[in-house]
Amino acid sequence: MAGKRVWLAAAALSAMALAAGGWHLSRATPAQIERLRMAGEDSAPRLRWHAWSGDAQAQRALAQVLWRKQREDALYWAQRAAAQGDVEAAWMLGRTHFDGSARADHRADYAKARAWLTQAAQGGHAGAMHLLALMDKNGYGGAVNLPRSAQWLAQAVKLGHADAMFLLGNAYHDGQGVARDEQQALRLYQAAAEKEQAQAAQMLAQAHAEGRLGLRQDAREAALMMREVEHILSHHGP
């Protein structure tokens, strides 16, 4: 209750400040909310105004702006946005509960992470699908479930997620959660490499060097792929 009174008081102060400055409550466009988010902490009073009006995008933007210095307040607004179906807010909550940054003691809460990530994934968020796949593959918060991991990866691949392409390629290469299929693995590695996924490009370089994945041994192609790996890392980092 004390926390809620603090938020209500903050909202009232924001409303008074905005009214004094000549601002009136009106529905902001998505572009306007995004500009306020990009403006950072200075935009928090205006974002808070729109957030209290029930604008889910403003609630999520306010959560993002407050995240570094007002974590509890940020989580409150992210939850309000996610409750309205905001996919990015659900993704924000899922990944922060996964990595522990949502808690003062920095402990991961895999149950909450899975719940929010599932909501985001059901809303079409490829990153959430990818992270759910990692949770199932490694048994974070439950038993290892390789078939379900592969299913999440396959959904993310359909949305063009490069890291999911690489991991699903590994699943087909090793027969983890799916039937072993080197040709399917090769296609996924190639698709990921085209999106500048460095690990996939390195896998292709090794396959050319050693004559694996149905490719003939070709030192020239292996060298070309290694140069591609270097190019990717120089632009995107490891």
Protein backbone atom coordinates (compact mmCIF):
# COMPACT_ATOMS: atom_id res chain seq x y z
CA MET A 1 0.00 0.00 0.00
CA ALA A 2 2.83 2.37 0.80
CA GLY A 3 4.32 1.88 -2.64
CA LYS A 4 0.96 2.52 -4.27
CA ARG A 5 0.56 5.78 -2.31
CA VAL A 6 3.98 6.89 -3.54
CA TRP A 7 3.00 6.24 -7.15
CA LEU A 8 -0.32 8.03 -6.71
CA ALA A 9 1.44 11.01 -5.16
CA ALA A 10 3.97 11.07 -7.99
CA ALA A 11 1.15 10.98 -10.51
CA ALA A 12 -0.59 13.89 -8.81
CA LEU A 13 2.61 15.94 -8.75
CA SER A 14 3.24 15.15 -12.41
CA ALA A 15 -0.27 16.23 -13.29
CA MET A 16 0.16 19.51 -11.41
CA ALA A 17 3.52 20.18 -13.04
CA LEU A 18 2.22 19.48 -16.51
CA ALA A 19 -0.87 21.58 -15.97
CA ALA A 20 1.28 24.46 -14.77
CA GLY A 21 3.39 24.12 -17.88
CA GLY A 22 0.39 24.26 -20.15
CA TRP A 23 0.21 20.54 -20.98
CA HIS A 24 -3.23 19.01 -21.38
CA LEU A 25 -4.17 15.35 -21.24
CA SER A 26 -4.59 14.10 -24.78
CA ARG A 27 -3.85 10.85 -26.52
CA ALA A 28 -0.28 10.89 -27.81
CA THR A 29 0.62 9.21 -31.06
CA PRO A 30 3.04 6.25 -31.01
CA ALA A 31 5.66 8.47 -32.67
CA GLN A 32 5.29 11.09 -29.93
CA ILE A 33 5.65 8.47 -27.20
CA GLU A 34 8.76 7.11 -28.89
CA ARG A 35 10.29 10.58 -29.06
CA LEU A 36 9.63 11.04 -25.34
CA ARG A 37 11.24 7.67 -24.63
CA MET A 38 14.30 8.62 -26.64
CA ALA A 39 14.56 11.87 -24.70
CA GLY A 40 15.30 9.86 -21.55
CA GLU A 41 14.74 10.82 -17.93
CA ASP A 42 13.80 14.42 -18.69
CA SER A 43 10.66 13.12 -20.39
CA ALA A 44 9.51 11.06 -17.39
CA PRO A 45 6.89 13.58 -16.14
CA ARG A 46 5.20 13.74 -19.54
CA LEU A 47 5.40 9.97 -20.00
CA ARG A 48 3.95 9.46 -16.53
CA TRP A 49 1.02 11.68 -17.48
CA HIS A 50 0.26 9.55 -20.52
CA ALA A 51 0.92 6.36 -18.56
CA TRP A 52 -1.71 7.25 -15.96
CA SER A 53 -4.18 7.84 -18.78
CA GLY A 54 -3.88 4.13 -19.59
CA ASP A 55 -1.66 4.33 -22.67
CA ALA A 56 0.18 0.97 -22.73
CA GLN A 57 2.99 2.23 -24.95
CA ALA A 58 3.55 5.17 -22.60
CA GLN A 59 3.57 2.81 -19.62
CA ARG A 60 6.22 0.64 -21.25
CA ALA A 61 8.24 3.68 -22.36
CA LEU A 62 8.12 5.07 -18.83
CA ALA A 63 9.34 1.73 -17.47
CA GLN A 64 12.28 1.83 -19.88
CA VAL A 65 13.14 5.41 -18.93
CA LEU A 66 12.96 4.71 -15.19
CA TRP A 67 14.76 1.36 -15.30
CA ARG A 68 18.25 2.42 -14.27
CA LYS A 69 17.36 4.57 -11.26
CA GLN A 70 13.82 3.64 -10.20
CA ARG A 71 13.65 -0.12 -10.73
CA GLU A 72 10.57 -0.82 -8.59
CA ASP A 73 8.57 1.94 -10.26
CA ALA A 74 9.74 0.73 -13.68
CA LEU A 75 8.54 -2.82 -12.97
CA TYR A 76 5.16 -1.50 -11.90
CA TRP A 77 4.66 0.32 -15.19
CA ALA A 78 5.99 -2.56 -17.26
CA GLN A 79 3.50 -4.87 -15.57
CA ARG A 80 0.64 -2.47 -16.27
CA ALA A 81 1.63 -2.29 -19.92
CA ALA A 82 2.03 -6.06 -20.21
CA ALA A 83 -1.37 -6.57 -18.58
CA GLN A 84 -2.80 -4.63 -21.51
CA GLY A 85 -1.07 -6.94 -23.96
CA ASP A 86 2.03 -4.87 -24.72
CA VAL A 87 4.42 -7.45 -26.13
CA GLU A 88 7.61 -5.43 -25.58
CA ALA A 89 6.70 -4.89 -21.93
CA ALA A 90 6.18 -8.63 -21.46
CA TRP A 91 9.57 -9.23 -23.13
CA MET A 92 11.19 -6.68 -20.82
CA LEU A 93 9.72 -8.39 -17.74
CA GLY A 94 10.61 -11.85 -18.99
CA ARG A 95 14.24 -11.18 -19.70
CA THR A 96 14.83 -9.15 -16.51
CA HIS A 97 13.35 -11.90 -14.34
CA PHE A 98 15.51 -14.37 -16.29
CA ASP A 99 18.78 -12.50 -15.73
CA GLY A 100 17.92 -11.41 -12.17
CA SER A 101 17.95 -7.68 -12.84
CA ALA A 102 14.28 -7.42 -11.81
CA ARG A 103 15.21 -8.23 -8.20
CA ALA A 104 17.24 -6.32 -5.66
CA ASP A 105 19.20 -9.49 -4.82
CA HIS A 106 19.82 -10.15 -8.55
CA ARG A 107 18.43 -13.67 -8.31
CA ALA A 108 16.74 -15.10 -11.36
CA ASP A 109 13.05 -15.97 -11.06
CA TYR A 110 12.55 -18.53 -13.81
CA ALA A 111 8.85 -19.06 -13.08
CA LYS A 112 8.06 -15.39 -13.62
CA ALA A 113 10.47 -15.25 -16.55
CA ARG A 114 8.70 -18.12 -18.29
CA ALA A 115 5.27 -16.63 -17.70
CA TRP A 116 6.16 -13.24 -19.17
CA LEU A 117 8.26 -14.69 -21.98
CA THR A 118 5.42 -17.00 -22.95
CA GLN A 119 3.08 -14.02 -23.14
CA ALA A 120 5.57 -12.16 -25.32
CA ALA A 121 6.17 -15.21 -27.52
CA GLN A 122 2.44 -15.70 -28.00
CA GLY A 123 2.36 -12.08 -29.11
CA GLY A 124 4.92 -12.85 -31.81
CA HIS A 125 8.19 -11.78 -30.13
CA ALA A 126 11.04 -13.80 -31.66
CA GLY A 127 13.49 -12.91 -28.90
CA ALA A 128 11.12 -14.33 -26.29
CA MET A 129 10.78 -17.53 -28.33
CA HIS A 130 14.57 -17.80 -28.51
CA LEU A 131 14.99 -17.32 -24.75
CA LEU A 132 12.25 -19.84 -23.97
CA ALA A 133 14.09 -22.30 -26.19
CA LEU A 134 17.28 -21.73 -24.19
CA MET A 135 15.38 -22.26 -20.93
CA ASP A 136 14.00 -25.58 -22.19
CA LYS A 137 17.34 -26.67 -23.64
CA ASN A 138 19.25 -26.02 -20.42
CA GLY A 139 16.55 -26.82 -17.86
CA TYR A 140 16.30 -23.34 -16.37
CA GLY A 141 13.43 -23.46 -13.89
CA GLY A 142 12.40 -26.99 -14.80
CA ALA A 143 13.32 -30.17 -16.62
CA VAL A 144 15.21 -30.16 -19.90
CA ASN A 145 12.73 -30.35 -22.77
CA LEU A 146 14.56 -30.60 -26.09
CA PRO A 147 11.51 -31.13 -28.33
CA ARG A 148 9.81 -28.03 -26.92
CA SER A 149 13.07 -26.10 -27.24
CA ALA A 150 13.23 -27.01 -30.93
CA GLN A 151 9.60 -25.98 -31.38
CA TRP A 152 10.27 -22.53 -29.93
CA LEU A 153 13.34 -22.18 -32.13
CA ALA A 154 11.36 -23.15 -35.21
CA GLN A 155 8.81 -20.43 -34.45
CA ALA A 156 11.57 -17.84 -33.99
CA VAL A 157 13.22 -18.96 -37.24
CA LYS A 158 10.00 -18.23 -39.12
CA LEU A 159 10.33 -14.65 -37.85
CA GLY A 160 13.92 -14.40 -39.10
CA HIS A 161 15.76 -14.67 -35.76
CA ALA A 162 19.39 -15.39 -36.68
CA ASP A 163 20.51 -16.86 -33.34
CA ALA A 164 17.49 -19.18 -33.40
CA MET A 165 18.54 -20.31 -36.89
CA PHE A 166 21.98 -21.22 -35.58
CA LEU A 167 20.65 -23.06 -32.53
CA LEU A 168 18.04 -24.96 -34.54
CA GLY A 169 20.83 -25.86 -36.97
CA ASN A 170 22.73 -27.32 -34.00
CA ALA A 171 19.61 -29.24 -32.95
CA TYR A 172 19.34 -30.83 -36.40
CA HIS A 173 23.08 -31.43 -36.52
CA ASP A 174 23.09 -33.25 -33.19
CA GLY A 175 19.58 -34.71 -33.28
CA GLN A 176 18.48 -32.88 -30.12
CA GLY A 177 14.70 -32.56 -29.96
CA VAL A 178 14.40 -33.28 -33.69
CA ALA A 179 15.51 -36.06 -36.00
CA ARG A 180 19.13 -35.67 -37.06
CA ASP A 181 19.26 -34.02 -40.49
CA GLU A 182 22.56 -32.57 -41.74
CA GLN A 183 20.99 -31.00 -44.83
CA GLN A 184 18.48 -29.13 -42.72
CA ALA A 185 21.29 -28.08 -40.39
CA LEU A 186 23.28 -26.80 -43.38
CA ARG A 187 20.33 -24.77 -44.65
CA LEU A 188 19.84 -23.19 -41.25
CA TYR A 189 23.53 -22.38 -40.83
CA GLN A 190 23.55 -20.78 -44.29
CA ALA A 191 20.44 -18.73 -43.51
CA ALA A 192 21.94 -17.56 -40.21
CA ALA A 193 25.28 -16.70 -41.83
CA GLU A 194 23.46 -14.60 -44.42
CA LYS A 195 22.12 -12.62 -41.47
CA GLU A 196 25.69 -12.21 -40.18
CA GLN A 197 25.46 -14.71 -37.35
CA ALA A 198 29.15 -15.28 -36.62
CA GLN A 199 28.87 -18.78 -35.08
CA ALA A 200 26.95 -20.06 -38.09
CA ALA A 201 29.54 -18.60 -40.45
CA GLN A 202 32.30 -20.25 -38.42
CA MET A 203 30.46 -23.59 -38.54
CA LEU A 204 30.27 -23.32 -42.33
CA ALA A 205 33.97 -22.49 -42.52
CA GLN A 206 34.79 -25.62 -40.52
CA ALA A 207 32.43 -27.70 -42.65
CA HIS A 208 34.19 -26.54 -45.84
CA ALA A 209 37.61 -27.16 -44.28
CA GLU A 210 36.74 -30.69 -43.13
CA GLY A 211 34.23 -31.73 -45.79
CA ARG A 212 31.27 -32.04 -43.42
CA LEU A 213 27.51 -31.32 -43.66
CA GLY A 214 27.47 -32.74 -47.15
CA LEU A 215 29.97 -30.17 -48.41
CA ARG A 216 33.10 -31.16 -50.26
CA GLN A 217 36.39 -30.26 -48.65
CA ASP A 218 37.41 -26.88 -50.02
CA ALA A 219 40.19 -24.85 -48.40
CA ARG A 220 39.39 -21.78 -50.53
CA GLU A 221 35.73 -21.71 -49.44
CA ALA A 222 36.79 -22.28 -45.84
CA ALA A 223 39.15 -19.29 -46.02
CA LEU A 224 36.42 -17.14 -47.56
CA MET A 225 34.02 -18.05 -44.77
CA MET A 226 36.62 -17.30 -42.10
CA ARG A 227 37.08 -13.85 -43.63
CA GLU A 228 33.31 -13.48 -43.39
CA VAL A 229 33.52 -14.39 -39.69
CA GLU A 230 36.18 -11.72 -39.18
CA HIS A 231 34.02 -9.19 -41.02
CA ILE A 232 31.00 -10.00 -38.87
CA LEU A 233 32.97 -9.77 -35.63
CA SER A 234 34.57 -6.48 -36.65
CA HIS A 235 31.11 -4.97 -37.18
CA HIS A 236 29.06 -6.63 -34.48
CA GLY A 237 31.52 -7.96 -31.91
CA PRO A 238 31.59 -11.50 -30.46
